[in-house]
PDB file of N, CA and C in Angstrom:
ATOM      1  N   GLU A   1     113.914 114.386 108.333  1.00  0.00           N
ATOM      2  CA  GLU A   1     112.513 114.179 108.602  1.00  0.00           C
ATOM      3  C   GLU A   1     112.076 115.233 109.592  1.00  0.00           C
ATOM      4  N   SER A   2     110.893 115.723 109.404  1.00  0.00           N
ATOM      5  CA  SER A   2     110.372 116.790 110.220  1.00  0.00           C
ATOM      6  C   SER A   2     108.920 116.464 110.552  1.00  0.00           C
ATOM      7  N   GLU A   3     108.328 117.231 111.440  1.00  0.00           N
ATOM      8  CA  GLU A   3     106.931 117.001 111.771  1.00  0.00           C
ATOM      9  C   GLU A   3     106.185 118.318 111.694  1.00  0.00           C
ATOM     10  N   ARG A   4     105.023 118.272 111.057  1.00  0.00           N
ATOM     11  CA  ARG A   4     104.207 119.472 110.911  1.00  0.00           C
ATOM     12  C   ARG A   4     102.763 119.067 111.155  1.00  0.00           C
ATOM     13  N   GLY A   5     102.155 119.654 112.156  1.00  0.00           N
ATOM     14  CA  GLY A   5     100.769 119.337 112.457  1.00  0.00           C
ATOM     15  C   GLY A   5     100.563 117.874 112.801  1.00  0.00           C
ATOM     16  N   GLY A   6     101.563 117.244 113.429  1.00  0.00           N
ATOM     17  CA  GLY A   6     101.446 115.847 113.805  1.00  0.00           C
ATOM     18  C   GLY A   6     101.746 114.866 112.692  1.00  0.00           C
ATOM     19  N   GLU A   7     101.985 115.355 111.474  1.00  0.00           N
ATOM     20  CA  GLU A   7     102.294 114.470 110.344  1.00  0.00           C
ATOM     21  C   GLU A   7     103.781 114.551 110.040  1.00  0.00           C
ATOM     22  N   LYS A   8     104.424 113.388 109.900  1.00  0.00           N
ATOM     23  CA  LYS A   8     105.853 113.370 109.591  1.00  0.00           C
ATOM     24  C   LYS A   8     106.063 113.697 108.121  1.00  0.00           C
ATOM     25  N   ILE A   9     107.103 114.475 107.864  1.00  0.00           N
ATOM     26  CA  ILE A   9     107.423 114.917 106.510  1.00  0.00           C
ATOM     27  C   ILE A   9     108.884 114.589 106.235  1.00  0.00           C
ATOM     28  N   ASP A  10     109.144 113.901 105.130  1.00  0.00           N
ATOM     29  CA  ASP A  10     110.519 113.624 104.728  1.00  0.00           C
ATOM     30  C   ASP A  10     111.018 114.772 103.871  1.00  0.00           C
ATOM     31  N   LEU A  11     112.224 115.240 104.158  1.00  0.00           N
ATOM     32  CA  LEU A  11     112.828 116.324 103.393  1.00  0.00           C
ATOM     33  C   LEU A  11     113.897 115.752 102.481  1.00  0.00           C
ATOM     34  N   VAL A  12     113.928 116.220 101.241  1.00  0.00           N
ATOM     35  CA  VAL A  12     114.925 115.774 100.270  1.00  0.00           C
ATOM     36  C   VAL A  12     115.644 117.009  99.753  1.00  0.00           C
ATOM     37  N   LEU A  13     116.952 117.031  99.912  1.00  0.00           N
ATOM     38  CA  LEU A  13     117.731 118.158  99.411  1.00  0.00           C
ATOM     39  C   LEU A  13     117.917 118.028  97.909  1.00  0.00           C
ATOM     40  N   TRP A  14     117.757 119.127  97.197  1.00  0.00           N
ATOM     41  CA  TRP A  14     117.973 119.140  95.753  1.00  0.00           C
ATOM     42  C   TRP A  14     119.466 118.982  95.492  1.00  0.00           C
ATOM     43  N   SER A  15     119.793 118.285  94.420  1.00  0.00           N
ATOM     44  CA  SER A  15     121.184 118.117  94.017  1.00  0.00           C
ATOM     45  C   SER A  15     121.279 118.313  92.513  1.00  0.00           C
ATOM     46  N   PRO A  16     122.326 118.989  92.032  1.00  0.00           N
ATOM     47  CA  PRO A  16     122.504 119.124  90.583  1.00  0.00           C
ATOM     48  C   PRO A  16     122.879 117.787  89.936  1.00  0.00           C
ATOM     49  N   ASP A  17     123.327 116.825  90.750  1.00  0.00           N
ATOM     50  CA  ASP A  17     123.669 115.482  90.278  1.00  0.00           C
ATOM     51  C   ASP A  17     122.376 114.663  90.241  1.00  0.00           C
ATOM     52  N   ALA A  18     121.859 114.395  89.045  1.00  0.00           N
ATOM     53  CA  ALA A  18     120.573 113.708  88.888  1.00  0.00           C
ATOM     54  C   ALA A  18     120.562 112.350  89.582  1.00  0.00           C
ATOM     55  N   LYS A  19     121.659 111.604  89.502  1.00  0.00           N
ATOM     56  CA  LYS A  19     121.706 110.287  90.153  1.00  0.00           C
ATOM     57  C   LYS A  19     121.517 110.420  91.659  1.00  0.00           C
ATOM     58  N   LYS A  20     122.246 111.349  92.267  1.00  0.00           N
ATOM     59  CA  LYS A  20     122.144 111.550  93.716  1.00  0.00           C
ATOM     60  C   LYS A  20     120.753 112.038  94.095  1.00  0.00           C
ATOM     61  N   PHE A  21     120.195 112.959  93.308  1.00  0.00           N
ATOM     62  CA  PHE A  21     118.864 113.498  93.593  1.00  0.00           C
ATOM     63  C   PHE A  21     117.823 112.381  93.555  1.00  0.00           C
ATOM     64  N   ILE A  22     117.908 111.493  92.570  1.00  0.00           N
ATOM     65  CA  ILE A  22     116.965 110.376  92.453  1.00  0.00           C
ATOM     66  C   ILE A  22     117.141 109.411  93.626  1.00  0.00           C
ATOM     67  N   GLU A  23     118.391 109.085  93.977  1.00  0.00           N
ATOM     68  CA  GLU A  23     118.647 108.210  95.130  1.00  0.00           C
ATOM     69  C   GLU A  23     118.052 108.807  96.398  1.00  0.00           C
ATOM     70  N   ASP A  24     118.289 110.103  96.610  1.00  0.00           N
ATOM     71  CA  ASP A  24     117.783 110.767  97.807  1.00  0.00           C
ATOM     72  C   ASP A  24     116.255 110.815  97.814  1.00  0.00           C
ATOM     73  N   ALA A  25     115.643 110.987  96.642  1.00  0.00           N
ATOM     74  CA  ALA A  25     114.182 111.046  96.545  1.00  0.00           C
ATOM     75  C   ALA A  25     113.547 109.703  96.903  1.00  0.00           C
ATOM     76  N   LEU A  26     114.270 108.610  96.702  1.00  0.00           N
ATOM     77  CA  LEU A  26     113.756 107.275  97.025  1.00  0.00           C
ATOM     78  C   LEU A  26     114.106 106.843  98.453  1.00  0.00           C
ATOM     79  N   SER A  27     114.826 107.674  99.182  1.00  0.00           N
ATOM     80  CA  SER A  27     115.209 107.370 100.552  1.00  0.00           C
ATOM     81  C   SER A  27     113.947 107.178 101.399  1.00  0.00           C
ATOM     82  N   PRO A  28     113.928 106.270 102.336  1.00  0.00           N
ATOM     83  CA  PRO A  28     115.038 105.561 102.939  1.00  0.00           C
ATOM     84  C   PRO A  28     115.429 104.262 102.225  1.00  0.00           C
ATOM     85  N   ALA A  29     114.794 103.939 101.102  1.00  0.00           N
ATOM     86  CA  ALA A  29     115.196 102.738 100.360  1.00  0.00           C
ATOM     87  C   ALA A  29     116.647 102.895  99.914  1.00  0.00           C
ATOM     88  N   GLN A  30     117.392 101.816  99.981  1.00  0.00           N
ATOM     89  CA  GLN A  30     118.784 101.841  99.545  1.00  0.00           C
ATOM     90  C   GLN A  30     118.846 101.388  98.092  1.00  0.00           C
ATOM     91  N   VAL A  31     119.407 102.240  97.252  1.00  0.00           N
ATOM     92  CA  VAL A  31     119.489 102.011  95.812  1.00  0.00           C
ATOM     93  C   VAL A  31     120.834 101.381  95.479  1.00  0.00           C
ATOM     94  N   GLN A  32     120.835 100.337  94.636  1.00  0.00           N
ATOM     95  CA  GLN A  32     122.098  99.714  94.216  1.00  0.00           C
ATOM     96  C   GLN A  32     122.741 100.508  93.087  1.00  0.00           C
ATOM     97  N   SER A  33     121.929 100.939  92.103  1.00  0.00           N
ATOM     98  CA  SER A  33     122.487 101.717  90.993  1.00  0.00           C
ATOM     99  C   SER A  33     121.401 102.545  90.324  1.00  0.00           C
ATOM    100  N   VAL A  34     121.840 103.625  89.677  1.00  0.00           N
ATOM    101  CA  VAL A  34     120.960 104.481  88.879  1.00  0.00           C
ATOM    102  C   VAL A  34     121.633 104.658  87.529  1.00  0.00           C
ATOM    103  N   VAL A  35     120.927 104.285  86.455  1.00  0.00           N
ATOM    104  CA  VAL A  35     121.435 104.464  85.096  1.00  0.00           C
ATOM    105  C   VAL A  35     120.534 105.490  84.418  1.00  0.00           C
ATOM    106  N   LEU A  36     121.146 106.589  83.951  1.00  0.00           N
ATOM    107  CA  LEU A  36     120.379 107.673  83.339  1.00  0.00           C
ATOM    108  C   LEU A  36     120.355 107.565  81.827  1.00  0.00           C
ATOM    109  N   ASP A  37     119.184 107.812  81.253  1.00  0.00           N
ATOM    110  CA  ASP A  37     119.006 107.973  79.810  1.00  0.00           C
ATOM    111  C   ASP A  37     118.585 109.430  79.645  1.00  0.00           C
ATOM    112  N   GLU A  38     119.596 110.305  79.535  1.00  0.00           N
ATOM    113  CA  GLU A  38     119.321 111.739  79.534  1.00  0.00           C
ATOM    114  C   GLU A  38     118.491 112.175  78.340  1.00  0.00           C
ATOM    115  N   ALA A  39     118.658 111.515  77.184  1.00  0.00           N
ATOM    116  CA  ALA A  39     117.902 111.883  75.983  1.00  0.00           C
ATOM    117  C   ALA A  39     116.399 111.740  76.208  1.00  0.00           C
ATOM    118  N   ASN A  40     115.994 110.715  76.966  1.00  0.00           N
ATOM    119  CA  ASN A  40     114.572 110.474  77.230  1.00  0.00           C
ATOM    120  C   ASN A  40     114.150 110.893  78.634  1.00  0.00           C
ATOM    121  N   HIS A  41     115.073 111.485  79.385  1.00  0.00           N
ATOM    122  CA  HIS A  41     114.822 111.926  80.758  1.00  0.00           C
ATOM    123  C   HIS A  41     114.227 110.775  81.576  1.00  0.00           C
ATOM    124  N   GLN A  42     114.904 109.629  81.503  1.00  0.00           N
ATOM    125  CA  GLN A  42     114.445 108.399  82.141  1.00  0.00           C
ATOM    126  C   GLN A  42     115.592 107.801  82.943  1.00  0.00           C
ATOM    127  N   ALA A  43     115.275 107.258  84.109  1.00  0.00           N
ATOM    128  CA  ALA A  43     116.279 106.619  84.963  1.00  0.00           C
ATOM    129  C   ALA A  43     115.837 105.205  85.295  1.00  0.00           C
ATOM    130  N   THR A  44     116.786 104.277  85.246  1.00  0.00           N
ATOM    131  CA  THR A  44     116.538 102.898  85.651  1.00  0.00           C
ATOM    132  C   THR A  44     117.254 102.693  86.977  1.00  0.00           C
ATOM    133  N   ILE A  45     116.487 102.358  88.004  1.00  0.00           N
ATOM    134  CA  ILE A  45     117.009 102.228  89.357  1.00  0.00           C
ATOM    135  C   ILE A  45     116.960 100.762  89.764  1.00  0.00           C
ATOM    136  N   THR A  46     118.102 100.216  90.162  1.00  0.00           N
ATOM    137  CA  THR A  46     118.166  98.830  90.618  1.00  0.00           C
ATOM    138  C   THR A  46     118.167  98.813  92.138  1.00  0.00           C
ATOM    139  N   VAL A  47     117.287  97.982  92.705  1.00  0.00           N
ATOM    140  CA  VAL A  47     117.209  97.838  94.158  1.00  0.00           C
ATOM    141  C   VAL A  47     117.266  96.358  94.527  1.00  0.00           C
ATOM    142  N   ALA A  48     117.799  96.078  95.705  1.00  0.00           N
ATOM    143  CA  ALA A  48     117.870  94.704  96.217  1.00  0.00           C
ATOM    144  C   ALA A  48     116.463  94.229  96.576  1.00  0.00           C
ATOM    145  N   PRO A  49     116.252  92.914  96.614  1.00  0.00           N
ATOM    146  CA  PRO A  49     114.922  92.384  96.940  1.00  0.00           C
ATOM    147  C   PRO A  49     114.340  92.921  98.245  1.00  0.00           C
ATOM    148  N   ASP A  50     115.174  93.099  99.277  1.00  0.00           N
ATOM    149  CA  ASP A  50     114.641  93.582 100.556  1.00  0.00           C
ATOM    150  C   ASP A  50     114.342  95.078 100.560  1.00  0.00           C
ATOM    151  N   GLN A  51     114.657  95.777  99.474  1.00  0.00           N
ATOM    152  CA  GLN A  51     114.396  97.212  99.370  1.00  0.00           C
ATOM    153  C   GLN A  51     113.278  97.527  98.377  1.00  0.00           C
ATOM    154  N   GLN A  52     112.779  96.516  97.664  1.00  0.00           N
ATOM    155  CA  GLN A  52     111.812  96.745  96.593  1.00  0.00           C
ATOM    156  C   GLN A  52     110.515  97.368  97.092  1.00  0.00           C
ATOM    157  N   SER A  53     109.911  96.797  98.131  1.00  0.00           N
ATOM    158  CA  SER A  53     108.635  97.339  98.594  1.00  0.00           C
ATOM    159  C   SER A  53     108.813  98.739  99.166  1.00  0.00           C
ATOM    160  N   LEU A  54     109.959  99.018  99.763  1.00  0.00           N
ATOM    161  CA  LEU A  54     110.233 100.344 100.308  1.00  0.00           C
ATOM    162  C   LEU A  54     110.414 101.368  99.185  1.00  0.00           C
ATOM    163  N   ALA A  55     111.110 100.997  98.117  1.00  0.00           N
ATOM    164  CA  ALA A  55     111.329 101.906  96.989  1.00  0.00           C
ATOM    165  C   ALA A  55     110.035 102.166  96.221  1.00  0.00           C
ATOM    166  N   ILE A  56     109.224 101.133  96.047  1.00  0.00           N
ATOM    167  CA  ILE A  56     107.999 101.268  95.254  1.00  0.00           C
ATOM    168  C   ILE A  56     106.876 101.896  96.070  1.00  0.00           C
ATOM    169  N   GLY A  57     106.687 101.430  97.293  1.00  0.00           N
ATOM    170  CA  GLY A  57     105.610 101.940  98.134  1.00  0.00           C
ATOM    171  C   GLY A  57     104.279 101.297  97.790  1.00  0.00           C
ATOM    172  N   ARG A  58     103.306 101.478  98.666  1.00  0.00           N
ATOM    173  CA  ARG A  58     101.977 100.907  98.472  1.00  0.00           C
ATOM    174  C   ARG A  58     101.339 101.503  97.219  1.00  0.00           C
ATOM    175  N   GLY A  59     101.016 100.644  96.273  1.00  0.00           N
ATOM    176  CA  GLY A  59     100.386 101.099  95.035  1.00  0.00           C
ATOM    177  C   GLY A  59     101.298 101.954  94.171  1.00  0.00           C
ATOM    178  N   GLY A  60     102.605 101.904  94.423  1.00  0.00           N
ATOM    179  CA  GLY A  60     103.545 102.699  93.638  1.00  0.00           C
ATOM    180  C   GLY A  60     103.705 104.126  94.124  1.00  0.00           C
ATOM    181  N   GLN A  61     103.185 104.414  95.313  1.00  0.00           N
ATOM    182  CA  GLN A  61     103.183 105.793  95.810  1.00  0.00           C
ATOM    183  C   GLN A  61     104.583 106.382  95.979  1.00  0.00           C
ATOM    184  N   ASN A  62     105.526 105.632  96.536  1.00  0.00           N
ATOM    185  CA  ASN A  62     106.865 106.186  96.777  1.00  0.00           C
ATOM    186  C   ASN A  62     107.578 106.529  95.475  1.00  0.00           C
ATOM    187  N   VAL A  63     107.551 105.607  94.512  1.00  0.00           N
ATOM    188  CA  VAL A  63     108.238 105.864  93.243  1.00  0.00           C
ATOM    189  C   VAL A  63     107.525 106.967  92.458  1.00  0.00           C
ATOM    190  N   ARG A  64     106.204 107.050  92.570  1.00  0.00           N
ATOM    191  CA  ARG A  64     105.462 108.118  91.889  1.00  0.00           C
ATOM    192  C   ARG A  64     105.845 109.484  92.462  1.00  0.00           C
ATOM    193  N   LEU A  65     105.908 109.582  93.788  1.00  0.00           N
ATOM    194  CA  LEU A  65     106.295 110.853  94.409  1.00  0.00           C
ATOM    195  C   LEU A  65     107.735 111.230  94.055  1.00  0.00           C
ATOM    196  N   ALA A  66     108.623 110.231  93.982  1.00  0.00           N
ATOM    197  CA  ALA A  66     110.017 110.496  93.598  1.00  0.00           C
ATOM    198  C   ALA A  66     110.082 110.992  92.155  1.00  0.00           C
ATOM    199  N   ALA A  67     109.265 110.419  91.268  1.00  0.00           N
ATOM    200  CA  ALA A  67     109.232 110.864  89.869  1.00  0.00           C
ATOM    201  C   ALA A  67     108.708 112.293  89.780  1.00  0.00           C
ATOM    202  N   LYS A  68     107.687 112.584  90.565  1.00  0.00           N
ATOM    203  CA  LYS A  68     107.111 113.934  90.558  1.00  0.00           C
ATOM    204  C   LYS A  68     108.125 114.952  91.089  1.00  0.00           C
ATOM    205  N   LEU A  69     108.833 114.581  92.132  1.00  0.00           N
ATOM    206  CA  LEU A  69     109.825 115.466  92.743  1.00  0.00           C
ATOM    207  C   LEU A  69     111.003 115.726  91.812  1.00  0.00           C
ATOM    208  N   THR A  70     111.496 114.678  91.159  1.00  0.00           N
ATOM    209  CA  THR A  70     112.699 114.811  90.331  1.00  0.00           C
ATOM    210  C   THR A  70     112.411 115.243  88.902  1.00  0.00           C
ATOM    211  N   GLY A  71     111.182 114.968  88.417  1.00  0.00           N
ATOM    212  CA  GLY A  71     110.848 115.295  87.034  1.00  0.00           C
ATOM    213  C   GLY A  71     111.348 114.257  86.038  1.00  0.00           C
ATOM    214  N   TRP A  72     111.844 113.123  86.520  1.00  0.00           N
ATOM    215  CA  TRP A  72     112.344 112.046  85.664  1.00  0.00           C
ATOM    216  C   TRP A  72     111.342 110.907  85.629  1.00  0.00           C
ATOM    217  N   LYS A  73     111.300 110.162  84.515  1.00  0.00           N
ATOM    218  CA  LYS A  73     110.553 108.906  84.449  1.00  0.00           C
ATOM    219  C   LYS A  73     111.441 107.887  85.141  1.00  0.00           C
ATOM    220  N   LEU A  74     110.896 107.192  86.118  1.00  0.00           N
ATOM    221  CA  LEU A  74     111.684 106.261  86.916  1.00  0.00           C
ATOM    222  C   LEU A  74     111.195 104.834  86.706  1.00  0.00           C
ATOM    223  N   ASP A  75     112.126 103.936  86.436  1.00  0.00           N
ATOM    224  CA  ASP A  75     111.836 102.510  86.334  1.00  0.00           C
ATOM    225  C   ASP A  75     112.590 101.810  87.456  1.00  0.00           C
ATOM    226  N   ILE A  76     111.867 101.115  88.319  1.00  0.00           N
ATOM    227  CA  ILE A  76     112.483 100.344  89.397  1.00  0.00           C
ATOM    228  C   ILE A  76     112.643  98.915  88.896  1.00  0.00           C
ATOM    229  N   VAL A  77     113.870  98.399  88.953  1.00  0.00           N
ATOM    230  CA  VAL A  77     114.129  97.030  88.509  1.00  0.00           C
ATOM    231  C   VAL A  77     114.776  96.236  89.638  1.00  0.00           C
ATOM    232  N   GLY A  78     114.548  94.916  89.603  1.00  0.00           N
ATOM    233  CA  GLY A  78     115.159  94.020  90.579  1.00  0.00           C
ATOM    234  C   GLY A  78     116.581  93.697  90.173  1.00  0.00           C
ATOM    235  N   GLY A  79     117.261  92.968  91.010  1.00  0.00           N
ATOM    236  CA  GLY A  79     118.658  92.618  90.777  1.00  0.00           C
ATOM    237  C   GLY A  79     118.907  91.830  89.503  1.00  0.00           C
ATOM    238  N   THR A  80     117.888  91.113  89.006  1.00  0.00           N
ATOM    239  CA  THR A  80     118.062  90.342  87.769  1.00  0.00           C
ATOM    240  C   THR A  80     117.567  91.112  86.550  1.00  0.00           C
ATOM    241  N   GLY A  81     117.202  92.381  86.751  1.00  0.00           N
ATOM    242  CA  GLY A  81     116.817  93.227  85.624  1.00  0.00           C
ATOM    243  C   GLY A  81     115.338  93.267  85.310  1.00  0.00           C
ATOM    244  N   GLU A  82     114.507  92.536  86.070  1.00  0.00           N
ATOM    245  CA  GLU A  82     113.071  92.559  85.804  1.00  0.00           C
ATOM    246  C   GLU A  82     112.471  93.882  86.275  1.00  0.00           C
ATOM    247  N   THR A  83     111.612  94.474  85.448  1.00  0.00           N
ATOM    248  CA  THR A  83     110.974  95.740  85.799  1.00  0.00           C
ATOM    249  C   THR A  83     109.891  95.477  86.835  1.00  0.00           C
ATOM    250  N   LEU A  84     109.942  96.209  87.940  1.00  0.00           N
ATOM    251  CA  LEU A  84     108.985  96.050  89.029  1.00  0.00           C
ATOM    252  C   LEU A  84     107.955  97.164  89.047  1.00  0.00           C
ATOM    253  N   ALA A  85     108.366  98.384  88.658  1.00  0.00           N
ATOM    254  CA  ALA A  85     107.459  99.528  88.667  1.00  0.00           C
ATOM    255  C   ALA A  85     107.996 100.595  87.734  1.00  0.00           C
ATOM    256  N   GLU A  86     107.070 101.363  87.162  1.00  0.00           N
ATOM    257  CA  GLU A  86     107.416 102.505  86.319  1.00  0.00           C
ATOM    258  C   GLU A  86     106.623 103.695  86.830  1.00  0.00           C
ATOM    259  N   ALA A  87     107.248 104.868  86.845  1.00  0.00           N
ATOM    260  CA  ALA A  87     106.551 106.048  87.339  1.00  0.00           C
ATOM    261  C   ALA A  87     106.934 107.280  86.541  1.00  0.00           C
ATOM    262  N   THR A  88     105.933 108.133  86.334  1.00  0.00           N
ATOM    263  CA  THR A  88     106.137 109.455  85.754  1.00  0.00           C
ATOM    264  C   THR A  88     105.519 110.450  86.728  1.00  0.00           C
ATOM    265  N   GLU A  89     105.570 111.719  86.380  1.00  0.00           N
ATOM    266  CA  GLU A  89     104.959 112.727  87.238  1.00  0.00           C
ATOM    267  C   GLU A  89     103.450 112.525  87.352  1.00  0.00           C
ATOM    268  N   GLU A  90     102.841 111.885  86.345  1.00  0.00           N
ATOM    269  CA  GLU A  90     101.391 111.696  86.327  1.00  0.00           C
ATOM    270  C   GLU A  90     100.926 110.489  87.131  1.00  0.00           C
ATOM    271  N   GLY A  91     101.768 109.466  87.283  1.00  0.00           N
ATOM    272  CA  GLY A  91     101.327 108.285  88.011  1.00  0.00           C
ATOM    273  C   GLY A  91     102.350 107.173  87.963  1.00  0.00           C
ATOM    274  N   ALA A  92     101.999 106.057  88.592  1.00  0.00           N
ATOM    275  CA  ALA A  92     102.902 104.903  88.665  1.00  0.00           C
ATOM    276  C   ALA A  92     102.147 103.632  88.331  1.00  0.00           C
ATOM    277  N   VAL A  93     102.872 102.687  87.748  1.00  0.00           N
ATOM    278  CA  VAL A  93     102.334 101.364  87.454  1.00  0.00           C
ATOM    279  C   VAL A  93     103.250 100.352  88.124  1.00  0.00           C
ATOM    280  N   VAL A  94     102.684  99.541  89.006  1.00  0.00           N
ATOM    281  CA  VAL A  94     103.448  98.471  89.641  1.00  0.00           C
ATOM    282  C   VAL A  94     103.286  97.244  88.767  1.00  0.00           C
ATOM    283  N   ILE A  95     104.405  96.781  88.191  1.00  0.00           N
ATOM    284  CA  ILE A  95     104.367  95.672  87.242  1.00  0.00           C
ATOM    285  C   ILE A  95     104.342  94.340  87.963  1.00  0.00           C
ATOM    286  N   GLU A  96     105.160  94.231  88.991  1.00  0.00           N
ATOM    287  CA  GLU A  96     105.244  92.984  89.746  1.00  0.00           C
ATOM    288  C   GLU A  96     105.232  93.350  91.211  1.00  0.00           C
ATOM    289  N   LYS A  97     104.396  92.684  91.972  1.00  0.00           N
ATOM    290  CA  LYS A  97     104.319  92.999  93.393  1.00  0.00           C
ATOM    291  C   LYS A  97     105.654  92.680  94.052  1.00  0.00           C
ATOM    292  N   ALA A  98     106.210  93.673  94.697  1.00  0.00           N
ATOM    293  CA  ALA A  98     107.464  93.473  95.423  1.00  0.00           C
ATOM    294  C   ALA A  98     107.184  92.601  96.637  1.00  0.00           C
ATOM    295  N   PRO A  99     108.124  91.739  96.992  1.00  0.00           N
ATOM    296  CA  PRO A  99     107.903  90.867  98.148  1.00  0.00           C
ATOM    297  C   PRO A  99     107.794  91.685  99.425  1.00  0.00           C
ATOM    298  N   GLU A 100     106.916  91.249 100.309  1.00  0.00           N
ATOM    299  CA  GLU A 100     106.781  91.916 101.597  1.00  0.00           C
ATOM    300  C   GLU A 100     108.025  91.616 102.422  1.00  0.00           C
ATOM    301  N   VAL A 101     108.515  92.620 103.120  1.00  0.00           N
ATOM    302  CA  VAL A 101     109.697  92.448 103.956  1.00  0.00           C
ATOM    303  C   VAL A 101     109.227  92.395 105.402  1.00  0.00           C
ATOM    304  N   PRO A 102     109.540  91.306 106.126  1.00  0.00           N
ATOM    305  CA  PRO A 102     109.132  91.240 107.526  1.00  0.00           C
ATOM    306  C   PRO A 102     109.750  92.396 108.306  1.00  0.00           C
ATOM    307  N   ALA A 103     109.004  92.937 109.258  1.00  0.00           N
ATOM    308  CA  ALA A 103     109.466  94.095 110.026  1.00  0.00           C
ATOM    309  C   ALA A 103     110.823  93.845 110.666  1.00  0.00           C
ATOM    310  N   GLU A 104     111.067  92.622 111.136  1.00  0.00           N
ATOM    311  CA  GLU A 104     112.345  92.349 111.803  1.00  0.00           C
ATOM    312  C   GLU A 104     113.524  92.360 110.840  1.00  0.00           C
ATOM    313  N   ALA A 105     113.263  92.314 109.520  1.00  0.00           N
ATOM    314  CA  ALA A 105     114.341  92.332 108.528  1.00  0.00           C
ATOM    315  C   ALA A 105     114.722  93.753 108.120  1.00  0.00           C
ATOM    316  N   VAL A 106     113.928  94.741 108.542  1.00  0.00           N
ATOM    317  CA  VAL A 106     114.187  96.133 108.179  1.00  0.00           C
ATOM    318  C   VAL A 106     114.973  96.787 109.307  1.00  0.00           C
ATOM    319  N   ALA A 107     116.020  97.523 108.938  1.00  0.00           N
ATOM    320  CA  ALA A 107     116.859  98.191 109.932  1.00  0.00           C
ATOM    321  C   ALA A 107     116.008  99.123 110.793  1.00  0.00           C
ATOM    322  N   PRO A 108     116.294  99.234 112.096  1.00  0.00           N
ATOM    323  CA  PRO A 108     115.492 100.074 112.990  1.00  0.00           C
ATOM    324  C   PRO A 108     115.376 101.519 112.521  1.00  0.00           C
ATOM    325  N   GLU A 109     116.459 102.079 111.951  1.00  0.00           N
ATOM    326  CA  GLU A 109     116.379 103.476 111.505  1.00  0.00           C
ATOM    327  C   GLU A 109     115.432 103.631 110.320  1.00  0.00           C
ATOM    328  N   VAL A 110     115.271 102.578 109.518  1.00  0.00           N
ATOM    329  CA  VAL A 110     114.318 102.622 108.406  1.00  0.00           C
ATOM    330  C   VAL A 110     112.905 102.535 108.954  1.00  0.00           C
ATOM    331  N   MET A 111     112.684 101.654 109.927  1.00  0.00           N
ATOM    332  CA  MET A 111     111.358 101.514 110.528  1.00  0.00           C
ATOM    333  C   MET A 111     110.917 102.837 111.139  1.00  0.00           C
ATOM    334  N   ALA A 112     111.851 103.579 111.715  1.00  0.00           N
ATOM    335  CA  ALA A 112     111.509 104.846 112.344  1.00  0.00           C
ATOM    336  C   ALA A 112     111.045 105.870 111.321  1.00  0.00           C
ATOM    337  N   THR A 113     111.433 105.707 110.052  1.00  0.00           N
ATOM    338  CA  THR A 113     111.056 106.695 109.045  1.00  0.00           C
ATOM    339  C   THR A 113     109.825 106.289 108.257  1.00  0.00           C
ATOM    340  N   LYS A 114     109.345 105.042 108.423  1.00  0.00           N
ATOM    341  CA  LYS A 114     108.150 104.613 107.698  1.00  0.00           C
ATOM    342  C   LYS A 114     106.933 105.250 108.355  1.00  0.00           C
ATOM    343  N   THR A 115     106.250 106.100 107.633  1.00  0.00           N
ATOM    344  CA  THR A 115     105.046 106.735 108.141  1.00  0.00           C
ATOM    345  C   THR A 115     103.973 106.636 107.084  1.00  0.00           C
ATOM    346  N   PRO A 116     102.716 106.620 107.501  1.00  0.00           N
ATOM    347  CA  PRO A 116     101.662 106.615 106.490  1.00  0.00           C
ATOM    348  C   PRO A 116     101.684 107.926 105.725  1.00  0.00           C
ATOM    349  N   ALA A 117     101.405 107.868 104.436  1.00  0.00           N
ATOM    350  CA  ALA A 117     101.427 109.065 103.603  1.00  0.00           C
ATOM    351  C   ALA A 117     100.279 109.989 103.961  1.00  0.00           C
ATOM    352  N   VAL A 118      99.140 109.418 104.282  1.00  0.00           N
ATOM    353  CA  VAL A 118      97.969 110.220 104.619  1.00  0.00           C
ATOM    354  C   VAL A 118      97.366 109.645 105.885  1.00  0.00           C
ATOM    355  N   GLU A 119      97.224 110.487 106.871  1.00  0.00           N
ATOM    356  CA  GLU A 119      96.605 110.032 108.103  1.00  0.00           C
ATOM    357  C   GLU A 119      95.139 110.423 108.068  1.00  0.00           C
ATOM    358  N   PRO A 120      94.243 109.525 108.471  1.00  0.00           N
ATOM    359  CA  PRO A 120      92.823 109.870 108.462  1.00  0.00           C
ATOM    360  C   PRO A 120      92.546 110.984 109.452  1.00  0.00           C
ATOM    361  N   GLU A 121      91.645 111.865 109.069  1.00  0.00           N
ATOM    362  CA  GLU A 121      91.265 112.951 109.962  1.00  0.00           C
ATOM    363  C   GLU A 121      90.262 112.411 110.963  1.00  0.00           C
ATOM    364  N   THR A 122      90.372 112.861 112.194  1.00  0.00           N
ATOM    365  CA  THR A 122      89.410 112.434 113.204  1.00  0.00           C
ATOM    366  C   THR A 122      88.666 113.652 113.699  1.00  0.00           C
ATOM    367  N   ALA A 123      87.368 113.506 113.823  1.00  0.00           N
ATOM    368  CA  ALA A 123      86.535 114.612 114.292  1.00  0.00           C
ATOM    369  C   ALA A 123      86.591 114.646 115.810  1.00  0.00           C
ATOM    370  N   THR A 124      86.752 115.838 116.360  1.00  0.00           N
ATOM    371  CA  THR A 124      86.729 115.993 117.811  1.00  0.00           C
ATOM    372  C   THR A 124      85.573 116.901 118.162  1.00  0.00           C
ATOM    373  N   GLU A 125      84.914 116.554 119.242  1.00  0.00           N
ATOM    374  CA  GLU A 125      83.745 117.357 119.638  1.00  0.00           C
ATOM    375  C   GLU A 125      84.009 118.068 120.919  1.00  0.00           C
TER     376      GLU A 125
END
């Protein structure tokens, strides 16, 4: 993570291993598994219930950015196999609202990396 102009920026290292690259793109969410369908350039990512909102992001923003970064169609599924969100480079669809995770249930190092994607500009005179 880095800071530029007061805005925090997460850095993701490219990897030739598609599974690792997708996992890293969804960081800081912890991924349980990634199953690749190379013929369709699609990945199914399983996340635990307490990681769902972090992996998907508000309005699907996190998974959409990960899809755009990796170039793969990403499907986020829960532990029982239910599809929670789908994302391509063009956009994301949140199928089922991920449960909100209370702040005290999130590890401190994860809380330190949660930043708003866009900070409002403030006019100074």
